[in-house]
mmCIF file of all heavy atoms, coordinates in Angstrom:
data_MODEL
# 
_entry.id   MODEL 
# 
loop_
_atom_site.group_PDB 
_atom_site.id 
_atom_site.type_symbol 
_atom_site.label_atom_id 
_atom_site.label_alt_id 
_atom_site.label_comp_id 
_atom_site.label_asym_id 
_atom_site.label_entity_id 
_atom_site.label_seq_id 
_atom_site.pdbx_PDB_ins_code 
_atom_site.Cartn_x 
_atom_site.Cartn_y 
_atom_site.Cartn_z 
_atom_site.occupancy 
_atom_site.B_iso_or_equiv 
_atom_site.pdbx_formal_charge 
_atom_site.auth_seq_id 
_atom_site.auth_comp_id 
_atom_site.auth_asym_id 
_atom_site.auth_atom_id 
_atom_site.pdbx_PDB_model_num 
ATOM 1   N N   . ILE A 1 1  ? 99.097  90.603  117.675 1.00 0.00 ? 1  ILE A N   1 
ATOM 2   C CA  . ILE A 1 1  ? 99.989  89.575  117.118 1.00 0.00 ? 1  ILE A CA  1 
ATOM 3   C C   . ILE A 1 1  ? 101.183 89.429  118.049 1.00 0.00 ? 1  ILE A C   1 
ATOM 4   O O   . ILE A 1 1  ? 101.935 90.382  118.261 1.00 0.00 ? 1  ILE A O   1 
ATOM 5   C CB  . ILE A 1 1  ? 100.452 89.946  115.690 1.00 0.00 ? 1  ILE A CB  1 
ATOM 6   C CG1 . ILE A 1 1  ? 99.261  90.021  114.748 1.00 0.00 ? 1  ILE A CG1 1 
ATOM 7   C CG2 . ILE A 1 1  ? 101.493 88.944  115.186 1.00 0.00 ? 1  ILE A CG2 1 
ATOM 8   C CD1 . ILE A 1 1  ? 99.600  90.518  113.354 1.00 0.00 ? 1  ILE A CD1 1 
ATOM 9   N N   . ASP A 1 2  ? 101.357 88.205  118.582 1.00 0.00 ? 2  ASP A N   1 
ATOM 10  C CA  . ASP A 1 2  ? 102.452 87.993  119.526 1.00 0.00 ? 2  ASP A CA  1 
ATOM 11  C C   . ASP A 1 2  ? 103.630 87.226  118.923 1.00 0.00 ? 2  ASP A C   1 
ATOM 12  O O   . ASP A 1 2  ? 104.609 86.968  119.610 1.00 0.00 ? 2  ASP A O   1 
ATOM 13  C CB  . ASP A 1 2  ? 101.948 87.303  120.793 1.00 0.00 ? 2  ASP A CB  1 
ATOM 14  C CG  . ASP A 1 2  ? 101.311 85.957  120.513 1.00 0.00 ? 2  ASP A CG  1 
ATOM 15  O OD1 . ASP A 1 2  ? 101.259 85.536  119.340 1.00 0.00 ? 2  ASP A OD1 1 
ATOM 16  O OD2 . ASP A 1 2  ? 100.856 85.317  121.482 1.00 0.00 ? 2  ASP A OD2 1 
ATOM 17  N N   . ASP A 1 3  ? 103.562 86.911  117.660 1.00 0.00 ? 3  ASP A N   1 
ATOM 18  C CA  . ASP A 1 3  ? 104.651 86.229  116.963 1.00 0.00 ? 3  ASP A CA  1 
ATOM 19  C C   . ASP A 1 3  ? 105.522 87.290  116.279 1.00 0.00 ? 3  ASP A C   1 
ATOM 20  O O   . ASP A 1 3  ? 105.013 88.121  115.528 1.00 0.00 ? 3  ASP A O   1 
ATOM 21  C CB  . ASP A 1 3  ? 104.057 85.261  115.926 1.00 0.00 ? 3  ASP A CB  1 
ATOM 22  C CG  . ASP A 1 3  ? 105.114 84.571  115.108 1.00 0.00 ? 3  ASP A CG  1 
ATOM 23  O OD1 . ASP A 1 3  ? 105.600 83.516  115.533 1.00 0.00 ? 3  ASP A OD1 1 
ATOM 24  O OD2 . ASP A 1 3  ? 105.462 85.110  114.027 1.00 0.00 ? 3  ASP A OD2 1 
ATOM 25  N N   . GLU A 1 4  ? 106.822 87.270  116.535 1.00 0.00 ? 4  GLU A N   1 
ATOM 26  C CA  . GLU A 1 4  ? 107.723 88.313  116.028 1.00 0.00 ? 4  GLU A CA  1 
ATOM 27  C C   . GLU A 1 4  ? 107.734 88.373  114.494 1.00 0.00 ? 4  GLU A C   1 
ATOM 28  O O   . GLU A 1 4  ? 107.633 89.454  113.907 1.00 0.00 ? 4  GLU A O   1 
ATOM 29  C CB  . GLU A 1 4  ? 109.142 88.077  116.551 1.00 0.00 ? 4  GLU A CB  1 
ATOM 30  C CG  . GLU A 1 4  ? 110.122 89.166  116.157 1.00 0.00 ? 4  GLU A CG  1 
ATOM 31  C CD  . GLU A 1 4  ? 111.515 88.928  116.709 1.00 0.00 ? 4  GLU A CD  1 
ATOM 32  O OE1 . GLU A 1 4  ? 111.690 88.099  117.626 1.00 0.00 ? 4  GLU A OE1 1 
ATOM 33  O OE2 . GLU A 1 4  ? 112.439 89.584  116.202 1.00 0.00 ? 4  GLU A OE2 1 
ATOM 34  N N   . TYR A 1 5  ? 107.867 87.212  113.847 1.00 0.00 ? 5  TYR A N   1 
ATOM 35  C CA  . TYR A 1 5  ? 107.896 87.224  112.382 1.00 0.00 ? 5  TYR A CA  1 
ATOM 36  C C   . TYR A 1 5  ? 106.562 87.707  111.814 1.00 0.00 ? 5  TYR A C   1 
ATOM 37  O O   . TYR A 1 5  ? 106.522 88.533  110.901 1.00 0.00 ? 5  TYR A O   1 
ATOM 38  C CB  . TYR A 1 5  ? 108.231 85.834  111.815 1.00 0.00 ? 5  TYR A CB  1 
ATOM 39  C CG  . TYR A 1 5  ? 108.135 85.817  110.313 1.00 0.00 ? 5  TYR A CG  1 
ATOM 40  C CD1 . TYR A 1 5  ? 109.137 86.404  109.530 1.00 0.00 ? 5  TYR A CD1 1 
ATOM 41  C CD2 . TYR A 1 5  ? 107.031 85.276  109.665 1.00 0.00 ? 5  TYR A CD2 1 
ATOM 42  C CE1 . TYR A 1 5  ? 109.042 86.427  108.143 1.00 0.00 ? 5  TYR A CE1 1 
ATOM 43  C CE2 . TYR A 1 5  ? 106.927 85.299  108.278 1.00 0.00 ? 5  TYR A CE2 1 
ATOM 44  C CZ  . TYR A 1 5  ? 107.929 85.870  107.528 1.00 0.00 ? 5  TYR A CZ  1 
ATOM 45  O OH  . TYR A 1 5  ? 107.833 85.914  106.153 1.00 0.00 ? 5  TYR A OH  1 
ATOM 46  N N   . ALA A 1 6  ? 105.460 87.212  112.362 1.00 0.00 ? 6  ALA A N   1 
ATOM 47  C CA  . ALA A 1 6  ? 104.138 87.609  111.867 1.00 0.00 ? 6  ALA A CA  1 
ATOM 48  C C   . ALA A 1 6  ? 103.903 89.097  112.078 1.00 0.00 ? 6  ALA A C   1 
ATOM 49  O O   . ALA A 1 6  ? 103.318 89.768  111.218 1.00 0.00 ? 6  ALA A O   1 
ATOM 50  C CB  . ALA A 1 6  ? 103.046 86.787  112.539 1.00 0.00 ? 6  ALA A CB  1 
ATOM 51  N N   . ALA A 1 7  ? 104.349 89.631  113.194 1.00 0.00 ? 7  ALA A N   1 
ATOM 52  C CA  . ALA A 1 7  ? 104.194 91.067  113.446 1.00 0.00 ? 7  ALA A CA  1 
ATOM 53  C C   . ALA A 1 7  ? 104.957 91.876  112.396 1.00 0.00 ? 7  ALA A C   1 
ATOM 54  O O   . ALA A 1 7  ? 104.443 92.871  111.862 1.00 0.00 ? 7  ALA A O   1 
ATOM 55  C CB  . ALA A 1 7  ? 104.671 91.415  114.841 1.00 0.00 ? 7  ALA A CB  1 
ATOM 56  N N   . LYS A 1 8  ? 106.161 91.435  112.068 1.00 0.00 ? 8  LYS A N   1 
ATOM 57  C CA  . LYS A 1 8  ? 106.953 92.117  111.032 1.00 0.00 ? 8  LYS A CA  1 
ATOM 58  C C   . LYS A 1 8  ? 106.271 91.983  109.668 1.00 0.00 ? 8  LYS A C   1 
ATOM 59  O O   . LYS A 1 8  ? 106.177 92.950  108.906 1.00 0.00 ? 8  LYS A O   1 
ATOM 60  C CB  . LYS A 1 8  ? 108.363 91.516  110.991 1.00 0.00 ? 8  LYS A CB  1 
ATOM 61  C CG  . LYS A 1 8  ? 109.267 92.164  109.984 1.00 0.00 ? 8  LYS A CG  1 
ATOM 62  C CD  . LYS A 1 8  ? 110.645 91.539  110.008 1.00 0.00 ? 8  LYS A CD  1 
ATOM 63  C CE  . LYS A 1 8  ? 111.495 92.112  108.889 1.00 0.00 ? 8  LYS A CE  1 
ATOM 64  N NZ  . LYS A 1 8  ? 112.798 91.472  108.793 1.00 0.00 ? 8  LYS A NZ  1 
ATOM 65  N N   . TYR A 1 9  ? 105.792 90.794  109.370 1.00 0.00 ? 9  TYR A N   1 
ATOM 66  C CA  . TYR A 1 9  ? 105.119 90.525  108.097 1.00 0.00 ? 9  TYR A CA  1 
ATOM 67  C C   . TYR A 1 9  ? 103.892 91.423  107.935 1.00 0.00 ? 9  TYR A C   1 
ATOM 68  O O   . TYR A 1 9  ? 103.718 92.084  106.919 1.00 0.00 ? 9  TYR A O   1 
ATOM 69  C CB  . TYR A 1 9  ? 104.722 89.045  108.053 1.00 0.00 ? 9  TYR A CB  1 
ATOM 70  C CG  . TYR A 1 9  ? 104.019 88.605  106.793 1.00 0.00 ? 9  TYR A CG  1 
ATOM 71  C CD1 . TYR A 1 9  ? 104.758 88.088  105.731 1.00 0.00 ? 9  TYR A CD1 1 
ATOM 72  C CD2 . TYR A 1 9  ? 102.638 88.677  106.664 1.00 0.00 ? 9  TYR A CD2 1 
ATOM 73  C CE1 . TYR A 1 9  ? 104.121 87.651  104.571 1.00 0.00 ? 9  TYR A CE1 1 
ATOM 74  C CE2 . TYR A 1 9  ? 102.000 88.245  105.513 1.00 0.00 ? 9  TYR A CE2 1 
ATOM 75  C CZ  . TYR A 1 9  ? 102.746 87.734  104.469 1.00 0.00 ? 9  TYR A CZ  1 
ATOM 76  O OH  . TYR A 1 9  ? 102.118 87.317  103.320 1.00 0.00 ? 9  TYR A OH  1 
ATOM 77  N N   . TYR A 1 10 ? 103.041 91.449  108.959 1.00 0.00 ? 10 TYR A N   1 
ATOM 78  C CA  . TYR A 1 10 ? 101.804 92.230  108.861 1.00 0.00 ? 10 TYR A CA  1 
ATOM 79  C C   . TYR A 1 10 ? 102.046 93.741  108.995 1.00 0.00 ? 10 TYR A C   1 
ATOM 80  O O   . TYR A 1 10 ? 101.252 94.526  108.495 1.00 0.00 ? 10 TYR A O   1 
ATOM 81  C CB  . TYR A 1 10 ? 100.752 91.722  109.842 1.00 0.00 ? 10 TYR A CB  1 
ATOM 82  C CG  . TYR A 1 10 ? 100.044 90.524  109.274 1.00 0.00 ? 10 TYR A CG  1 
ATOM 83  C CD1 . TYR A 1 10 ? 100.375 89.244  109.686 1.00 0.00 ? 10 TYR A CD1 1 
ATOM 84  C CD2 . TYR A 1 10 ? 99.079  90.672  108.284 1.00 0.00 ? 10 TYR A CD2 1 
ATOM 85  C CE1 . TYR A 1 10 ? 99.740  88.133  109.132 1.00 0.00 ? 10 TYR A CE1 1 
ATOM 86  C CE2 . TYR A 1 10 ? 98.446  89.572  107.724 1.00 0.00 ? 10 TYR A CE2 1 
ATOM 87  C CZ  . TYR A 1 10 ? 98.784  88.309  108.151 1.00 0.00 ? 10 TYR A CZ  1 
ATOM 88  O OH  . TYR A 1 10 ? 98.168  87.220  107.598 1.00 0.00 ? 10 TYR A OH  1 
ATOM 89  N N   . THR A 1 11 ? 103.134 94.139  109.625 1.00 0.00 ? 11 THR A N   1 
ATOM 90  C CA  . THR A 1 11 ? 103.497 95.556  109.617 1.00 0.00 ? 11 THR A CA  1 
ATOM 91  C C   . THR A 1 11 ? 103.841 95.973  108.196 1.00 0.00 ? 11 THR A C   1 
ATOM 92  O O   . THR A 1 11 ? 103.461 97.065  107.744 1.00 0.00 ? 11 THR A O   1 
ATOM 93  C CB  . THR A 1 11 ? 104.673 95.829  110.576 1.00 0.00 ? 11 THR A CB  1 
ATOM 94  O OG1 . THR A 1 11 ? 104.250 95.515  111.902 1.00 0.00 ? 11 THR A OG1 1 
ATOM 95  C CG2 . THR A 1 11 ? 105.121 97.281  110.504 1.00 0.00 ? 11 THR A CG2 1 
ATOM 96  N N   . HIS A 1 12 ? 104.513 95.097  107.474 1.00 0.00 ? 12 HIS A N   1 
ATOM 97  C CA  . HIS A 1 12 ? 104.834 95.365  106.069 1.00 0.00 ? 12 HIS A CA  1 
ATOM 98  C C   . HIS A 1 12 ? 103.546 95.451  105.236 1.00 0.00 ? 12 HIS A C   1 
ATOM 99  O O   . HIS A 1 12 ? 103.412 96.333  104.381 1.00 0.00 ? 12 HIS A O   1 
ATOM 100 C CB  . HIS A 1 12 ? 105.768 94.265  105.529 1.00 0.00 ? 12 HIS A CB  1 
ATOM 101 C CG  . HIS A 1 12 ? 106.262 94.519  104.149 1.00 0.00 ? 12 HIS A CG  1 
ATOM 102 N ND1 . HIS A 1 12 ? 107.386 95.262  103.883 1.00 0.00 ? 12 HIS A ND1 1 
ATOM 103 C CD2 . HIS A 1 12 ? 105.781 94.133  102.950 1.00 0.00 ? 12 HIS A CD2 1 
ATOM 104 C CE1 . HIS A 1 12 ? 107.568 95.322  102.578 1.00 0.00 ? 12 HIS A CE1 1 
ATOM 105 N NE2 . HIS A 1 12 ? 106.603 94.636  101.985 1.00 0.00 ? 12 HIS A NE2 1 
ATOM 106 N N   . VAL A 1 13 ? 102.603 94.566  105.499 1.00 0.00 ? 13 VAL A N   1 
ATOM 107 C CA  . VAL A 1 13 ? 101.318 94.595  104.787 1.00 0.00 ? 13 VAL A CA  1 
ATOM 108 C C   . VAL A 1 13 ? 100.596 95.909  105.089 1.00 0.00 ? 13 VAL A C   1 
ATOM 109 O O   . VAL A 1 13 ? 100.068 96.570  104.192 1.00 0.00 ? 13 VAL A O   1 
ATOM 110 C CB  . VAL A 1 13 ? 100.437 93.378  105.160 1.00 0.00 ? 13 VAL A CB  1 
ATOM 111 C CG1 . VAL A 1 13 ? 99.062  93.476  104.520 1.00 0.00 ? 13 VAL A CG1 1 
ATOM 112 C CG2 . VAL A 1 13 ? 101.115 92.072  104.754 1.00 0.00 ? 13 VAL A CG2 1 
ATOM 113 N N   . ARG A 1 14 ? 100.603 96.306  106.368 1.00 0.00 ? 14 ARG A N   1 
ATOM 114 C CA  . ARG A 1 14 ? 99.981  97.578  106.736 1.00 0.00 ? 14 ARG A CA  1 
ATOM 115 C C   . ARG A 1 14 ? 100.654 98.746  106.019 1.00 0.00 ? 14 ARG A C   1 
ATOM 116 O O   . ARG A 1 14 ? 99.990  99.649  105.501 1.00 0.00 ? 14 ARG A O   1 
ATOM 117 C CB  . ARG A 1 14 ? 100.078 97.805  108.250 1.00 0.00 ? 14 ARG A CB  1 
ATOM 118 C CG  . ARG A 1 14 ? 99.338  99.056  108.699 1.00 0.00 ? 14 ARG A CG  1 
ATOM 119 C CD  . ARG A 1 14 ? 100.037 100.065 109.570 1.00 0.00 ? 14 ARG A CD  1 
ATOM 120 N NE  . ARG A 1 14 ? 101.443 100.094 109.594 1.00 0.00 ? 14 ARG A NE  1 
ATOM 121 C CZ  . ARG A 1 14 ? 102.160 100.137 110.712 1.00 0.00 ? 14 ARG A CZ  1 
ATOM 122 N NH1 . ARG A 1 14 ? 101.576 100.104 111.890 1.00 0.00 ? 14 ARG A NH1 1 
ATOM 123 N NH2 . ARG A 1 14 ? 103.471 100.202 110.650 1.00 0.00 ? 14 ARG A NH2 1 
ATOM 124 N N   . ASP A 1 15 ? 101.974 98.725  105.948 1.00 0.00 ? 15 ASP A N   1 
ATOM 125 C CA  . ASP A 1 15 ? 102.702 99.800  105.276 1.00 0.00 ? 15 ASP A CA  1 
ATOM 126 C C   . ASP A 1 15 ? 102.352 99.865  103.791 1.00 0.00 ? 15 ASP A C   1 
ATOM 127 O O   . ASP A 1 15 ? 102.276 100.955 103.220 1.00 0.00 ? 15 ASP A O   1 
ATOM 128 C CB  . ASP A 1 15 ? 104.206 99.633  105.477 1.00 0.00 ? 15 ASP A CB  1 
ATOM 129 C CG  . ASP A 1 15 ? 104.635 99.837  106.926 1.00 0.00 ? 15 ASP A CG  1 
ATOM 130 O OD1 . ASP A 1 15 ? 103.825 100.336 107.744 1.00 0.00 ? 15 ASP A OD1 1 
ATOM 131 O OD2 . ASP A 1 15 ? 105.792 99.476  107.248 1.00 0.00 ? 15 ASP A OD2 1 
ATOM 132 N N   . MET A 1 16 ? 102.110 98.702  103.171 1.00 0.00 ? 16 MET A N   1 
ATOM 133 C CA  . MET A 1 16 ? 101.658 98.702  101.770 1.00 0.00 ? 16 MET A CA  1 
ATOM 134 C C   . MET A 1 16 ? 100.296 99.363  101.657 1.00 0.00 ? 16 MET A C   1 
ATOM 135 O O   . MET A 1 16 ? 100.054 100.150 100.735 1.00 0.00 ? 16 MET A O   1 
ATOM 136 C CB  . MET A 1 16 ? 101.565 97.269  101.214 1.00 0.00 ? 16 MET A CB  1 
ATOM 137 C CG  . MET A 1 16 ? 102.873 96.653  100.880 1.00 0.00 ? 16 MET A CG  1 
ATOM 138 S SD  . MET A 1 16 ? 102.740 95.099  99.934  1.00 0.00 ? 16 MET A SD  1 
ATOM 139 C CE  . MET A 1 16 ? 101.471 94.191  100.751 1.00 0.00 ? 16 MET A CE  1 
ATOM 140 N N   . ALA A 1 17 ? 99.395  99.050  102.576 1.00 0.00 ? 17 ALA A N   1 
ATOM 141 C CA  . ALA A 1 17 ? 98.054  99.637  102.556 1.00 0.00 ? 17 ALA A CA  1 
ATOM 142 C C   . ALA A 1 17 ? 98.123  101.144 102.749 1.00 0.00 ? 17 ALA A C   1 
ATOM 143 O O   . ALA A 1 17 ? 97.446  101.902 102.038 1.00 0.00 ? 17 ALA A O   1 
ATOM 144 C CB  . ALA A 1 17 ? 97.175  99.005  103.639 1.00 0.00 ? 17 ALA A CB  1 
ATOM 145 N N   . VAL A 1 18 ? 98.939  101.585 103.671 1.00 0.00 ? 18 VAL A N   1 
ATOM 146 C CA  . VAL A 1 18 ? 99.067  103.021 103.938 1.00 0.00 ? 18 VAL A CA  1 
ATOM 147 C C   . VAL A 1 18 ? 99.646  103.734 102.722 1.00 0.00 ? 18 VAL A C   1 
ATOM 148 O O   . VAL A 1 18 ? 99.154  104.791 102.315 1.00 0.00 ? 18 VAL A O   1 
ATOM 149 C CB  . VAL A 1 18 ? 99.928  103.266 105.200 1.00 0.00 ? 18 VAL A CB  1 
ATOM 150 C CG1 . VAL A 1 18 ? 100.317 104.729 105.341 1.00 0.00 ? 18 VAL A CG1 1 
ATOM 151 C CG2 . VAL A 1 18 ? 99.184  102.781 106.438 1.00 0.00 ? 18 VAL A CG2 1 
ATOM 152 N N   . LEU A 1 19 ? 100.674 103.163 102.114 1.00 0.00 ? 19 LEU A N   1 
ATOM 153 C CA  . LEU A 1 19 ? 101.274 103.785 100.940 1.00 0.00 ? 19 LEU A CA  1 
ATOM 154 C C   . LEU A 1 19 ? 100.290 103.810 99.772  1.00 0.00 ? 19 LEU A C   1 
ATOM 155 O O   . LEU A 1 19 ? 100.177 104.818 99.061  1.00 0.00 ? 19 LEU A O   1 
ATOM 156 C CB  . LEU A 1 19 ? 102.568 103.073 100.542 1.00 0.00 ? 19 LEU A CB  1 
ATOM 157 C CG  . LEU A 1 19 ? 103.333 103.679 99.369  1.00 0.00 ? 19 LEU A CG  1 
ATOM 158 C CD1 . LEU A 1 19 ? 103.615 105.170 99.582  1.00 0.00 ? 19 LEU A CD1 1 
ATOM 159 C CD2 . LEU A 1 19 ? 104.631 102.910 99.134  1.00 0.00 ? 19 LEU A CD2 1 
ATOM 160 N N   . ALA A 1 20 ? 99.549  102.738 99.571  1.00 0.00 ? 20 ALA A N   1 
ATOM 161 C CA  . ALA A 1 20 ? 98.532  102.721 98.504  1.00 0.00 ? 20 ALA A CA  1 
ATOM 162 C C   . ALA A 1 20 ? 97.474  103.790 98.766  1.00 0.00 ? 20 ALA A C   1 
ATOM 163 O O   . ALA A 1 20 ? 97.035  104.479 97.831  1.00 0.00 ? 20 ALA A O   1 
ATOM 164 C CB  . ALA A 1 20 ? 97.894  101.340 98.399  1.00 0.00 ? 20 ALA A CB  1 
ATOM 165 N N   . ALA A 1 21 ? 97.075  103.972 100.026 1.00 0.00 ? 21 ALA A N   1 
ATOM 166 C CA  . ALA A 1 21 ? 96.107  105.019 100.372 1.00 0.00 ? 21 ALA A CA  1 
ATOM 167 C C   . ALA A 1 21 ? 96.688  106.406 100.126 1.00 0.00 ? 21 ALA A C   1 
ATOM 168 O O   . ALA A 1 21 ? 95.989  107.303 99.636  1.00 0.00 ? 21 ALA A O   1 
ATOM 169 C CB  . ALA A 1 21 ? 95.667  104.870 101.825 1.00 0.00 ? 21 ALA A CB  1 
ATOM 170 N N   . GLU A 1 22 ? 97.966  106.596 100.435 1.00 0.00 ? 22 GLU A N   1 
ATOM 171 C CA  . GLU A 1 22 ? 98.622  107.879 100.155 1.00 0.00 ? 22 GLU A CA  1 
ATOM 172 C C   . GLU A 1 22 ? 98.661  108.151 98.651  1.00 0.00 ? 22 GLU A C   1 
ATOM 173 O O   . GLU A 1 22 ? 98.434  109.284 98.220  1.00 0.00 ? 22 GLU A O   1 
ATOM 174 C CB  . GLU A 1 22 ? 100.046 107.884 100.705 1.00 0.00 ? 22 GLU A CB  1 
ATOM 175 C CG  . GLU A 1 22 ? 100.142 107.975 102.194 1.00 0.00 ? 22 GLU A CG  1 
ATOM 176 C CD  . GLU A 1 22 ? 101.581 107.858 102.690 1.00 0.00 ? 22 GLU A CD  1 
ATOM 177 O OE1 . GLU A 1 22 ? 102.530 107.918 101.880 1.00 0.00 ? 22 GLU A OE1 1 
ATOM 178 O OE2 . GLU A 1 22 ? 101.753 107.708 103.910 1.00 0.00 ? 22 GLU A OE2 1 
ATOM 179 N N   . ILE A 1 23 ? 98.946  107.121 97.883  1.00 0.00 ? 23 ILE A N   1 
ATOM 180 C CA  . ILE A 1 23 ? 98.970  107.263 96.419  1.00 0.00 ? 23 ILE A CA  1 
ATOM 181 C C   . ILE A 1 23 ? 97.595  107.680 95.927  1.00 0.00 ? 23 ILE A C   1 
ATOM 182 O O   . ILE A 1 23 ? 97.459  108.591 95.114  1.00 0.00 ? 23 ILE A O   1 
ATOM 183 C CB  . ILE A 1 23 ? 99.446  105.959 95.751  1.00 0.00 ? 23 ILE A CB  1 
ATOM 184 C CG1 . ILE A 1 23 ? 100.949 105.786 95.986  1.00 0.00 ? 23 ILE A CG1 1 
ATOM 185 C CG2 . ILE A 1 23 ? 99.103  105.939 94.260  1.00 0.00 ? 23 ILE A CG2 1 
ATOM 186 C CD1 . ILE A 1 23 ? 101.485 104.414 95.630  1.00 0.00 ? 23 ILE A CD1 1 
ATOM 187 N N   . GLU A 1 24 ? 96.568  107.030 96.437  1.00 0.00 ? 24 GLU A N   1 
ATOM 188 C CA  . GLU A 1 24 ? 95.203  107.383 96.030  1.00 0.00 ? 24 GLU A CA  1 
ATOM 189 C C   . GLU A 1 24 ? 94.850  108.808 96.421  1.00 0.00 ? 24 GLU A C   1 
ATOM 190 O O   . GLU A 1 24 ? 94.223  109.536 95.657  1.00 0.00 ? 24 GLU A O   1 
ATOM 191 C CB  . GLU A 1 24 ? 94.194  106.403 96.615  1.00 0.00 ? 24 GLU A CB  1 
ATOM 192 C CG  . GLU A 1 24 ? 94.155  105.095 95.897  1.00 0.00 ? 24 GLU A CG  1 
ATOM 193 C CD  . GLU A 1 24 ? 93.826  105.252 94.425  1.00 0.00 ? 24 GLU A CD  1 
ATOM 194 O OE1 . GLU A 1 24 ? 92.797  105.865 94.094  1.00 0.00 ? 24 GLU A OE1 1 
ATOM 195 O OE2 . GLU A 1 24 ? 94.607  104.774 93.605  1.00 0.00 ? 24 GLU A OE2 1 
ATOM 196 N N   . ALA A 1 25 ? 95.264  109.221 97.605  1.00 0.00 ? 25 ALA A N   1 
ATOM 197 C CA  . ALA A 1 25 ? 94.959  110.576 98.060  1.00 0.00 ? 25 ALA A CA  1 
ATOM 198 C C   . ALA A 1 25 ? 95.677  111.618 97.212  1.00 0.00 ? 25 ALA A C   1 
ATOM 199 O O   . ALA A 1 25 ? 95.122  112.684 96.926  1.00 0.00 ? 25 ALA A O   1 
ATOM 200 C CB  . ALA A 1 25 ? 95.339  110.737 99.524  1.00 0.00 ? 25 ALA A CB  1 
ATOM 201 N N   . SER A 1 26 ? 96.881  111.310 96.780  1.00 0.00 ? 26 SER A N   1 
ATOM 202 C CA  . SER A 1 26 ? 97.636  112.284 95.988  1.00 0.00 ? 26 SER A CA  1 
ATOM 203 C C   . SER A 1 26 ? 97.336  112.188 94.494  1.00 0.00 ? 26 SER A C   1 
ATOM 204 O O   . SER A 1 26 ? 97.653  113.100 93.744  1.00 0.00 ? 26 SER A O   1 
ATOM 205 C CB  . SER A 1 26 ? 99.132  112.129 96.236  1.00 0.00 ? 26 SER A CB  1 
ATOM 206 O OG  . SER A 1 26 ? 99.594  110.884 95.800  1.00 0.00 ? 26 SER A OG  1 
ATOM 207 N N   . ARG A 1 27 ? 96.700  111.097 94.081  1.00 0.00 ? 27 ARG A N   1 
ATOM 208 C CA  . ARG A 1 27 ? 96.424  110.898 92.654  1.00 0.00 ? 27 ARG A CA  1 
ATOM 209 C C   . ARG A 1 27 ? 95.555  112.020 92.082  1.00 0.00 ? 27 ARG A C   1 
ATOM 210 O O   . ARG A 1 27 ? 95.776  112.475 90.962  1.00 0.00 ? 27 ARG A O   1 
ATOM 211 C CB  . ARG A 1 27 ? 95.758  109.546 92.448  1.00 0.00 ? 27 ARG A CB  1 
ATOM 212 C CG  . ARG A 1 27 ? 95.490  109.227 90.999  1.00 0.00 ? 27 ARG A CG  1 
ATOM 213 C CD  . ARG A 1 27 ? 95.109  107.782 90.811  1.00 0.00 ? 27 ARG A CD  1 
ATOM 214 N NE  . ARG A 1 27 ? 96.320  107.073 90.419  1.00 0.00 ? 27 ARG A NE  1 
ATOM 215 C CZ  . ARG A 1 27 ? 96.743  105.939 90.945  1.00 0.00 ? 27 ARG A CZ  1 
ATOM 216 N NH1 . ARG A 1 27 ? 96.068  105.359 91.893  1.00 0.00 ? 27 ARG A NH1 1 
ATOM 217 N NH2 . ARG A 1 27 ? 97.845  105.375 90.521  1.00 0.00 ? 27 ARG A NH2 1 
# 
């Protein structure tokens, strides 16, 4: 991703996925 806003947006989406996976692992 070479667009600055899109990179920030999708980094946030990735962080949601990672946190949801952490929640599942610790559940």
